[in-house]
């Protein structure tokens, strides 16, 4: 991919995401499946209390707001997103509620040049690396800005799942699979994400996936919770995948 093509693709994607975020509201409860995966694992003392946190791909800022309001010793949160519309909406939301321990930035997850190496105690990336041209490069950037001993919370779709079967069906039929209008939708899978994380120099602490869905053409998929078990097997086949990783010390 040439630099000029990448720049053109990035500018086009930015326009799409600006329009996307402009019409959506802030999810202050952060109730999406990927947020719930992180909430069930994040340690308030180790990962939030008094820490410097980066959420990259923060969208309209709901989860950054949640992180910034959790503990008696508030974290210093940086909420960053590719879309300036999303960042502006997030900033306004936090200011209206008197939350001042979040700073906001427009940033590309593949080139976090405004942040130094080892700057953050905790890094959060939800449903973002699948929407960029080079996901492994994005993961390397997340590892670079993480402090030694710091932890990365990473979620991304796992198409090694029933939804992946539907995506293959769309491909066979010549239909575009775009996750409700996303301009870039990489074929991410949990085992690939784990490999990218290890190659970035991080140690995997835990990985999991949840969300079993039976897809149907031209209608919303049906959640099939009975397919969540046995966990030792089905944790590889959920749509919503999660990786918790740590940057080695020294």
C-alpha atoms as a PDB file:
ATOM      1  CA  UNK A   1       0.000   0.000   0.000  1.00  0.00           C
ATOM      2  CA  UNK A   2       1.618   3.263  -1.137  1.00  0.00           C
ATOM      3  CA  UNK A   3       1.762   6.332   1.167  1.00  0.00           C
ATOM      4  CA  UNK A   4      -0.473   8.326  -1.208  1.00  0.00           C
ATOM      5  CA  UNK A   5      -3.097   5.559  -1.308  1.00  0.00           C
ATOM      6  CA  UNK A   6      -2.970   5.236   2.479  1.00  0.00           C
ATOM      7  CA  UNK A   7      -3.449   8.999   2.878  1.00  0.00           C
ATOM      8  CA  UNK A   8      -6.420   8.967   0.491  1.00  0.00           C
ATOM      9  CA  UNK A   9      -7.957   5.990   2.308  1.00  0.00           C
ATOM     10  CA  UNK A  10      -7.429   7.645   5.702  1.00  0.00           C
ATOM     11  CA  UNK A  11      -9.045  10.900   4.609  1.00  0.00           C
ATOM     12  CA  UNK A  12     -12.032   9.032   3.171  1.00  0.00           C
ATOM     13  CA  UNK A  13     -12.404   6.945   6.348  1.00  0.00           C
ATOM     14  CA  UNK A  14     -12.173  10.066   8.515  1.00  0.00           C
ATOM     15  CA  UNK A  15     -15.089  11.631   6.636  1.00  0.00           C
ATOM     16  CA  UNK A  16     -17.158   8.468   7.085  1.00  0.00           C
ATOM     17  CA  UNK A  17     -16.470   8.336  10.829  1.00  0.00           C
ATOM     18  CA  UNK A  18     -17.163  12.036  11.291  1.00  0.00           C
ATOM     19  CA  UNK A  19     -20.628  11.509   9.805  1.00  0.00           C
ATOM     20  CA  UNK A  20     -21.065   8.269  11.796  1.00  0.00           C
ATOM     21  CA  UNK A  21     -20.354   9.876  15.179  1.00  0.00           C
ATOM     22  CA  UNK A  22     -22.254  13.041  14.374  1.00  0.00           C
ATOM     23  CA  UNK A  23     -25.565  11.167  14.380  1.00  0.00           C
ATOM     24  CA  UNK A  24     -24.984   8.983  17.465  1.00  0.00           C
ATOM     25  CA  UNK A  25     -25.243   9.714  21.182  1.00  0.00           C
ATOM     26  CA  UNK A  26     -22.732   9.079  23.969  1.00  0.00           C
ATOM     27  CA  UNK A  27     -23.126   5.722  25.733  1.00  0.00           C
ATOM     28  CA  UNK A  28     -22.353   6.907  29.256  1.00  0.00           C
ATOM     29  CA  UNK A  29     -23.152   3.463  30.714  1.00  0.00           C
ATOM     30  CA  UNK A  30     -20.668   1.777  28.333  1.00  0.00           C
ATOM     31  CA  UNK A  31     -22.927  -1.249  28.048  1.00  0.00           C
ATOM     32  CA  UNK A  32     -21.571  -2.681  24.779  1.00  0.00           C
ATOM     33  CA  UNK A  33     -20.364  -6.321  24.959  1.00  0.00           C
ATOM     34  CA  UNK A  34     -16.703  -5.297  24.547  1.00  0.00           C
ATOM     35  CA  UNK A  35     -16.955  -2.777  27.388  1.00  0.00           C
ATOM     36  CA  UNK A  36     -18.522  -5.415  29.622  1.00  0.00           C
ATOM     37  CA  UNK A  37     -15.629  -7.786  28.842  1.00  0.00           C
ATOM     38  CA  UNK A  38     -13.158  -5.174  30.061  1.00  0.00           C
ATOM     39  CA  UNK A  39     -15.227  -4.125  33.085  1.00  0.00           C
ATOM     40  CA  UNK A  40     -15.308  -7.719  34.298  1.00  0.00           C
ATOM     41  CA  UNK A  41     -11.491  -7.946  34.252  1.00  0.00           C
ATOM     42  CA  UNK A  42     -10.040  -4.508  34.910  1.00  0.00           C
ATOM     43  CA  UNK A  43      -8.551  -4.071  38.390  1.00  0.00           C
ATOM     44  CA  UNK A  44      -9.559  -0.717  39.935  1.00  0.00           C
ATOM     45  CA  UNK A  45      -6.355  -0.518  41.990  1.00  0.00           C
ATOM     46  CA  UNK A  46      -3.823  -1.883  39.520  1.00  0.00           C
ATOM     47  CA  UNK A  47      -5.248  -0.464  36.307  1.00  0.00           C
ATOM     48  CA  UNK A  48      -7.250   2.685  37.170  1.00  0.00           C
ATOM     49  CA  UNK A  49      -6.637   4.258  40.585  1.00  0.00           C
ATOM     50  CA  UNK A  50      -4.278   7.205  40.075  1.00  0.00           C
ATOM     51  CA  UNK A  51      -3.025   5.796  36.772  1.00  0.00           C
ATOM     52  CA  UNK A  52      -2.349   7.476  33.459  1.00  0.00           C
ATOM     53  CA  UNK A  53      -4.657   5.766  30.963  1.00  0.00           C
ATOM     54  CA  UNK A  54      -4.993   5.965  27.195  1.00  0.00           C
ATOM     55  CA  UNK A  55      -8.195   4.911  25.487  1.00  0.00           C
ATOM     56  CA  UNK A  56      -7.493   4.960  21.772  1.00  0.00           C
ATOM     57  CA  UNK A  57     -10.524   4.695  19.525  1.00  0.00           C
ATOM     58  CA  UNK A  58     -12.612   6.253  22.299  1.00  0.00           C
ATOM     59  CA  UNK A  59     -15.410   7.262  19.931  1.00  0.00           C
ATOM     60  CA  UNK A  60     -17.843   9.600  21.661  1.00  0.00           C
ATOM     61  CA  UNK A  61     -16.104   9.106  24.994  1.00  0.00           C
ATOM     62  CA  UNK A  62     -18.486   7.006  27.073  1.00  0.00           C
ATOM     63  CA  UNK A  63     -15.892   4.499  28.289  1.00  0.00           C
ATOM     64  CA  UNK A  64     -13.241   7.184  28.870  1.00  0.00           C
ATOM     65  CA  UNK A  65     -15.839   8.924  31.055  1.00  0.00           C
ATOM     66  CA  UNK A  66     -16.455   5.660  32.933  1.00  0.00           C
ATOM     67  CA  UNK A  67     -12.718   5.150  33.537  1.00  0.00           C
ATOM     68  CA  UNK A  68     -12.268   8.716  34.759  1.00  0.00           C
ATOM     69  CA  UNK A  69     -15.021   8.477  37.375  1.00  0.00           C
ATOM     70  CA  UNK A  70     -14.308   5.114  39.009  1.00  0.00           C
ATOM     71  CA  UNK A  71     -12.066   5.530  42.023  1.00  0.00           C
ATOM     72  CA  UNK A  72     -11.312   7.809  44.996  1.00  0.00           C
ATOM     73  CA  UNK A  73      -7.974   8.722  43.339  1.00  0.00           C
ATOM     74  CA  UNK A  74      -9.124   9.584  39.820  1.00  0.00           C
ATOM     75  CA  UNK A  75      -7.100   8.394  36.873  1.00  0.00           C
ATOM     76  CA  UNK A  76      -5.650  10.810  34.362  1.00  0.00           C
ATOM     77  CA  UNK A  77      -7.347   9.636  31.184  1.00  0.00           C
ATOM     78  CA  UNK A  78      -6.482  10.501  27.611  1.00  0.00           C
ATOM     79  CA  UNK A  79      -9.367   9.817  25.239  1.00  0.00           C
ATOM     80  CA  UNK A  80      -8.221   9.715  21.605  1.00  0.00           C
ATOM     81  CA  UNK A  81     -10.008   8.981  18.363  1.00  0.00           C
ATOM     82  CA  UNK A  82      -9.497   9.246  14.604  1.00  0.00           C
ATOM     83  CA  UNK A  83     -12.662  11.343  14.256  1.00  0.00           C
ATOM     84  CA  UNK A  84     -12.585  14.980  15.351  1.00  0.00           C
ATOM     85  CA  UNK A  85     -16.404  14.945  15.497  1.00  0.00           C
ATOM     86  CA  UNK A  86     -16.284  12.102  18.013  1.00  0.00           C
ATOM     87  CA  UNK A  87     -13.623  13.833  20.114  1.00  0.00           C
ATOM     88  CA  UNK A  88     -15.558  17.113  20.182  1.00  0.00           C
ATOM     89  CA  UNK A  89     -18.745  15.328  21.231  1.00  0.00           C
ATOM     90  CA  UNK A  90     -16.843  13.458  23.959  1.00  0.00           C
ATOM     91  CA  UNK A  91     -15.213  16.638  25.253  1.00  0.00           C
ATOM     92  CA  UNK A  92     -18.550  18.431  25.463  1.00  0.00           C
ATOM     93  CA  UNK A  93     -20.151  15.488  27.263  1.00  0.00           C
ATOM     94  CA  UNK A  94     -17.424  15.410  29.934  1.00  0.00           C
ATOM     95  CA  UNK A  95     -17.378  19.183  30.390  1.00  0.00           C
ATOM     96  CA  UNK A  96     -21.152  19.285  30.869  1.00  0.00           C
ATOM     97  CA  UNK A  97     -20.760  16.827  33.746  1.00  0.00           C
ATOM     98  CA  UNK A  98     -17.847  18.597  35.394  1.00  0.00           C
ATOM     99  CA  UNK A  99     -15.291  15.859  34.707  1.00  0.00           C
ATOM    100  CA  UNK A 100     -11.889  17.492  34.269  1.00  0.00           C
ATOM    101  CA  UNK A 101      -9.443  14.559  34.493  1.00  0.00           C
ATOM    102  CA  UNK A 102      -9.827  13.607  30.827  1.00  0.00           C
ATOM    103  CA  UNK A 103      -7.821  15.187  28.045  1.00  0.00           C
ATOM    104  CA  UNK A 104      -8.908  14.661  24.469  1.00  0.00           C
ATOM    105  CA  UNK A 105      -6.882  14.128  21.324  1.00  0.00           C
ATOM    106  CA  UNK A 106      -7.381  13.350  17.643  1.00  0.00           C
ATOM    107  CA  UNK A 107      -5.040  10.437  16.898  1.00  0.00           C
ATOM    108  CA  UNK A 108      -4.359   7.594  14.468  1.00  0.00           C
ATOM    109  CA  UNK A 109      -3.841   4.289  16.281  1.00  0.00           C
ATOM    110  CA  UNK A 110      -1.218   3.327  13.692  1.00  0.00           C
ATOM    111  CA  UNK A 111       0.900   6.439  14.412  1.00  0.00           C
ATOM    112  CA  UNK A 112       0.584   7.617  18.013  1.00  0.00           C
ATOM    113  CA  UNK A 113       3.337  10.151  17.454  1.00  0.00           C
ATOM    114  CA  UNK A 114       2.018  12.688  19.963  1.00  0.00           C
ATOM    115  CA  UNK A 115       2.635  10.204  22.792  1.00  0.00           C
ATOM    116  CA  UNK A 116       6.015   9.138  24.092  1.00  0.00           C
ATOM    117  CA  UNK A 117       7.215   5.593  24.592  1.00  0.00           C
ATOM    118  CA  UNK A 118       6.220   4.093  27.926  1.00  0.00           C
ATOM    119  CA  UNK A 119       3.874   6.978  28.728  1.00  0.00           C
ATOM    120  CA  UNK A 120       0.783   5.103  29.975  1.00  0.00           C
ATOM    121  CA  UNK A 121       0.136   2.696  32.848  1.00  0.00           C
ATOM    122  CA  UNK A 122      -2.952   1.291  31.112  1.00  0.00           C
ATOM    123  CA  UNK A 123      -3.959   1.252  27.454  1.00  0.00           C
ATOM    124  CA  UNK A 124      -7.482   0.421  26.264  1.00  0.00           C
ATOM    125  CA  UNK A 125      -8.482  -0.245  22.652  1.00  0.00           C
ATOM    126  CA  UNK A 126     -12.014  -1.395  21.892  1.00  0.00           C
ATOM    127  CA  UNK A 127     -13.135  -2.493  18.418  1.00  0.00           C
ATOM    128  CA  UNK A 128     -10.582  -0.363  16.579  1.00  0.00           C
ATOM    129  CA  UNK A 129      -7.664  -2.338  15.126  1.00  0.00           C
ATOM    130  CA  UNK A 130      -9.990  -4.155  12.710  1.00  0.00           C
ATOM    131  CA  UNK A 131     -10.859  -0.818  11.099  1.00  0.00           C
ATOM    132  CA  UNK A 132      -7.345   0.231  10.049  1.00  0.00           C
ATOM    133  CA  UNK A 133      -5.193  -0.855   7.084  1.00  0.00           C
ATOM    134  CA  UNK A 134      -2.436  -2.406   9.263  1.00  0.00           C
ATOM    135  CA  UNK A 135      -3.681  -3.990  12.530  1.00  0.00           C
ATOM    136  CA  UNK A 136      -0.262  -5.434  13.561  1.00  0.00           C
ATOM    137  CA  UNK A 137       1.255  -1.946  13.293  1.00  0.00           C
ATOM    138  CA  UNK A 138      -1.551  -0.593  15.477  1.00  0.00           C
ATOM    139  CA  UNK A 139      -0.814  -3.214  18.155  1.00  0.00           C
ATOM    140  CA  UNK A 140       2.893  -2.327  18.056  1.00  0.00           C
ATOM    141  CA  UNK A 141       1.973   1.305  18.701  1.00  0.00           C
ATOM    142  CA  UNK A 142      -0.148   0.287  21.685  1.00  0.00           C
ATOM    143  CA  UNK A 143       2.794  -1.683  23.064  1.00  0.00           C
ATOM    144  CA  UNK A 144       5.194   1.224  22.473  1.00  0.00           C
ATOM    145  CA  UNK A 145       3.235   3.771  24.540  1.00  0.00           C
ATOM    146  CA  UNK A 146       2.647   1.303  27.391  1.00  0.00           C
ATOM    147  CA  UNK A 147       4.925   1.471  30.444  1.00  0.00           C
ATOM    148  CA  UNK A 148       6.885  -1.631  31.492  1.00  0.00           C
ATOM    149  CA  UNK A 149       4.583  -3.496  33.841  1.00  0.00           C
ATOM    150  CA  UNK A 150       1.548  -1.750  32.327  1.00  0.00           C
ATOM    151  CA  UNK A 151      -1.416  -3.598  30.881  1.00  0.00           C
ATOM    152  CA  UNK A 152      -3.247  -3.522  27.553  1.00  0.00           C
ATOM    153  CA  UNK A 153      -6.986  -4.228  27.303  1.00  0.00           C
ATOM    154  CA  UNK A 154      -7.769  -5.032  23.674  1.00  0.00           C
ATOM    155  CA  UNK A 155     -11.044  -6.092  22.053  1.00  0.00           C
ATOM    156  CA  UNK A 156     -11.817  -6.857  18.433  1.00  0.00           C
ATOM    157  CA  UNK A 157     -14.309  -9.006  16.503  1.00  0.00           C
ATOM    158  CA  UNK A 158     -13.485 -12.688  16.198  1.00  0.00           C
ATOM    159  CA  UNK A 159     -14.601 -13.922  12.789  1.00  0.00           C
ATOM    160  CA  UNK A 160     -13.650 -17.472  13.735  1.00  0.00           C
ATOM    161  CA  UNK A 161     -17.325 -17.664  14.715  1.00  0.00           C
ATOM    162  CA  UNK A 162     -20.821 -18.073  13.318  1.00  0.00           C
ATOM    163  CA  UNK A 163     -20.685 -14.421  12.247  1.00  0.00           C
ATOM    164  CA  UNK A 164     -17.564 -15.293  10.284  1.00  0.00           C
ATOM    165  CA  UNK A 165     -19.572 -17.963   8.480  1.00  0.00           C
ATOM    166  CA  UNK A 166     -22.102 -15.290   7.546  1.00  0.00           C
ATOM    167  CA  UNK A 167     -19.287 -13.030   6.377  1.00  0.00           C
ATOM    168  CA  UNK A 168     -18.074 -15.845   4.109  1.00  0.00           C
ATOM    169  CA  UNK A 169     -21.635 -16.234   2.805  1.00  0.00           C
ATOM    170  CA  UNK A 170     -21.683 -12.531   1.914  1.00  0.00           C
ATOM    171  CA  UNK A 171     -18.363 -12.919   0.097  1.00  0.00           C
ATOM    172  CA  UNK A 172     -19.659 -15.869  -1.930  1.00  0.00           C
ATOM    173  CA  UNK A 173     -22.771 -13.877  -2.840  1.00  0.00           C
ATOM    174  CA  UNK A 174     -20.661 -10.867  -3.855  1.00  0.00           C
ATOM    175  CA  UNK A 175     -22.114  -8.718  -1.069  1.00  0.00           C
ATOM    176  CA  UNK A 176     -19.988  -6.304   0.925  1.00  0.00           C
ATOM    177  CA  UNK A 177     -19.707  -6.997   4.649  1.00  0.00           C
ATOM    178  CA  UNK A 178     -19.159  -3.612   6.281  1.00  0.00           C
ATOM    179  CA  UNK A 179     -20.356  -3.774   9.916  1.00  0.00           C
ATOM    180  CA  UNK A 180     -23.151  -1.260   9.385  1.00  0.00           C
ATOM    181  CA  UNK A 181     -21.206   1.087   7.137  1.00  0.00           C
ATOM    182  CA  UNK A 182     -17.598   0.845   8.368  1.00  0.00           C
ATOM    183  CA  UNK A 183     -15.139   1.715   5.549  1.00  0.00           C
ATOM    184  CA  UNK A 184     -12.495  -0.868   6.591  1.00  0.00           C
ATOM    185  CA  UNK A 185     -13.359  -4.235   8.156  1.00  0.00           C
ATOM    186  CA  UNK A 186     -10.360  -6.531   8.510  1.00  0.00           C
ATOM    187  CA  UNK A 187     -10.864 -10.271   8.940  1.00  0.00           C
ATOM    188  CA  UNK A 188      -9.727 -10.394  12.562  1.00  0.00           C
ATOM    189  CA  UNK A 189      -9.712 -13.595  14.616  1.00  0.00           C
ATOM    190  CA  UNK A 190      -8.756 -14.226  18.227  1.00  0.00           C
ATOM    191  CA  UNK A 191      -5.765 -16.407  17.413  1.00  0.00           C
ATOM    192  CA  UNK A 192      -4.446 -13.742  15.009  1.00  0.00           C
ATOM    193  CA  UNK A 193      -4.916 -10.990  17.583  1.00  0.00           C
ATOM    194  CA  UNK A 194      -2.999 -13.036  20.150  1.00  0.00           C
ATOM    195  CA  UNK A 195      -0.159 -13.476  17.646  1.00  0.00           C
ATOM    196  CA  UNK A 196       0.004  -9.725  16.934  1.00  0.00           C
ATOM    197  CA  UNK A 197       0.112  -8.981  20.662  1.00  0.00           C
ATOM    198  CA  UNK A 198       2.971 -11.428  21.282  1.00  0.00           C
ATOM    199  CA  UNK A 199       4.937 -10.099  18.300  1.00  0.00           C
ATOM    200  CA  UNK A 200       4.590  -6.591  19.745  1.00  0.00           C
ATOM    201  CA  UNK A 201       6.560  -7.816  22.763  1.00  0.00           C
ATOM    202  CA  UNK A 202       3.704  -8.183  25.217  1.00  0.00           C
ATOM    203  CA  UNK A 203       2.894 -11.148  27.453  1.00  0.00           C
ATOM    204  CA  UNK A 204      -0.673 -12.439  27.218  1.00  0.00           C
ATOM    205  CA  UNK A 205      -2.308 -12.688  30.627  1.00  0.00           C
ATOM    206  CA  UNK A 206      -5.768 -13.780  29.480  1.00  0.00           C
ATOM    207  CA  UNK A 207      -7.868 -14.058  26.362  1.00  0.00           C
ATOM    208  CA  UNK A 208     -11.522 -14.866  25.862  1.00  0.00           C
ATOM    209  CA  UNK A 209     -14.451 -14.383  23.532  1.00  0.00           C
ATOM    210  CA  UNK A 210     -18.187 -14.108  24.100  1.00  0.00           C
ATOM    211  CA  UNK A 211     -21.267 -13.736  21.975  1.00  0.00           C
ATOM    212  CA  UNK A 212     -22.725 -16.587  19.956  1.00  0.00           C
ATOM    213  CA  UNK A 213     -25.107 -15.441  17.235  1.00  0.00           C
ATOM    214  CA  UNK A 214     -27.124 -17.191  14.552  1.00  0.00           C
ATOM    215  CA  UNK A 215     -27.100 -14.826  11.547  1.00  0.00           C
ATOM    216  CA  UNK A 216     -29.941 -14.438   9.070  1.00  0.00           C
ATOM    217  CA  UNK A 217     -29.949 -12.475   5.814  1.00  0.00           C
ATOM    218  CA  UNK A 218     -31.878  -9.185   5.977  1.00  0.00           C
ATOM    219  CA  UNK A 219     -32.656  -9.414   9.695  1.00  0.00           C
ATOM    220  CA  UNK A 220     -30.786  -8.995  13.008  1.00  0.00           C
ATOM    221  CA  UNK A 221     -28.932 -12.085  14.251  1.00  0.00           C
ATOM    222  CA  UNK A 222     -30.346 -14.119  17.125  1.00  0.00           C
ATOM    223  CA  UNK A 223     -28.150 -14.546  20.198  1.00  0.00           C
ATOM    224  CA  UNK A 224     -27.689 -18.227  21.058  1.00  0.00           C
ATOM    225  CA  UNK A 225     -26.492 -18.290  24.657  1.00  0.00           C
ATOM    226  CA  UNK A 226     -26.650 -22.078  24.833  1.00  0.00           C
ATOM    227  CA  UNK A 227     -23.630 -22.111  22.512  1.00  0.00           C
ATOM    228  CA  UNK A 228     -21.465 -20.405  25.141  1.00  0.00           C
ATOM    229  CA  UNK A 229     -20.656 -23.775  26.754  1.00  0.00           C
ATOM    230  CA  UNK A 230     -18.426 -25.656  27.313  1.00  0.00           C
ATOM    231  CA  UNK A 231     -16.281 -22.584  28.002  1.00  0.00           C
ATOM    232  CA  UNK A 232     -12.886 -24.291  27.486  1.00  0.00           C
ATOM    233  CA  UNK A 233     -13.894 -24.828  23.866  1.00  0.00           C
ATOM    234  CA  UNK A 234     -16.346 -22.059  23.011  1.00  0.00           C
ATOM    235  CA  UNK A 235     -14.102 -19.282  24.354  1.00  0.00           C
ATOM    236  CA  UNK A 236     -12.378 -19.446  20.943  1.00  0.00           C
ATOM    237  CA  UNK A 237     -15.566 -19.009  18.906  1.00  0.00           C
ATOM    238  CA  UNK A 238     -17.402 -15.948  20.308  1.00  0.00           C
ATOM    239  CA  UNK A 239     -17.796 -12.857  18.159  1.00  0.00           C
ATOM    240  CA  UNK A 240     -16.547 -10.421  20.824  1.00  0.00           C
ATOM    241  CA  UNK A 241     -12.921 -11.248  21.605  1.00  0.00           C
ATOM    242  CA  UNK A 242     -10.775  -9.901  24.426  1.00  0.00           C
ATOM    243  CA  UNK A 243      -7.037  -9.973  25.121  1.00  0.00           C
ATOM    244  CA  UNK A 244      -5.380  -8.768  28.319  1.00  0.00           C
ATOM    245  CA  UNK A 245      -1.624  -8.367  27.955  1.00  0.00           C
ATOM    246  CA  UNK A 246       1.233  -6.997  30.046  1.00  0.00           C
ATOM    247  CA  UNK A 247       4.455  -5.273  29.010  1.00  0.00           C
ATOM    248  CA  UNK A 248       7.439  -7.063  30.566  1.00  0.00           C
ATOM    249  CA  UNK A 249       9.632  -5.116  32.962  1.00  0.00           C
ATOM    250  CA  UNK A 250      13.212  -4.768  31.756  1.00  0.00           C
END
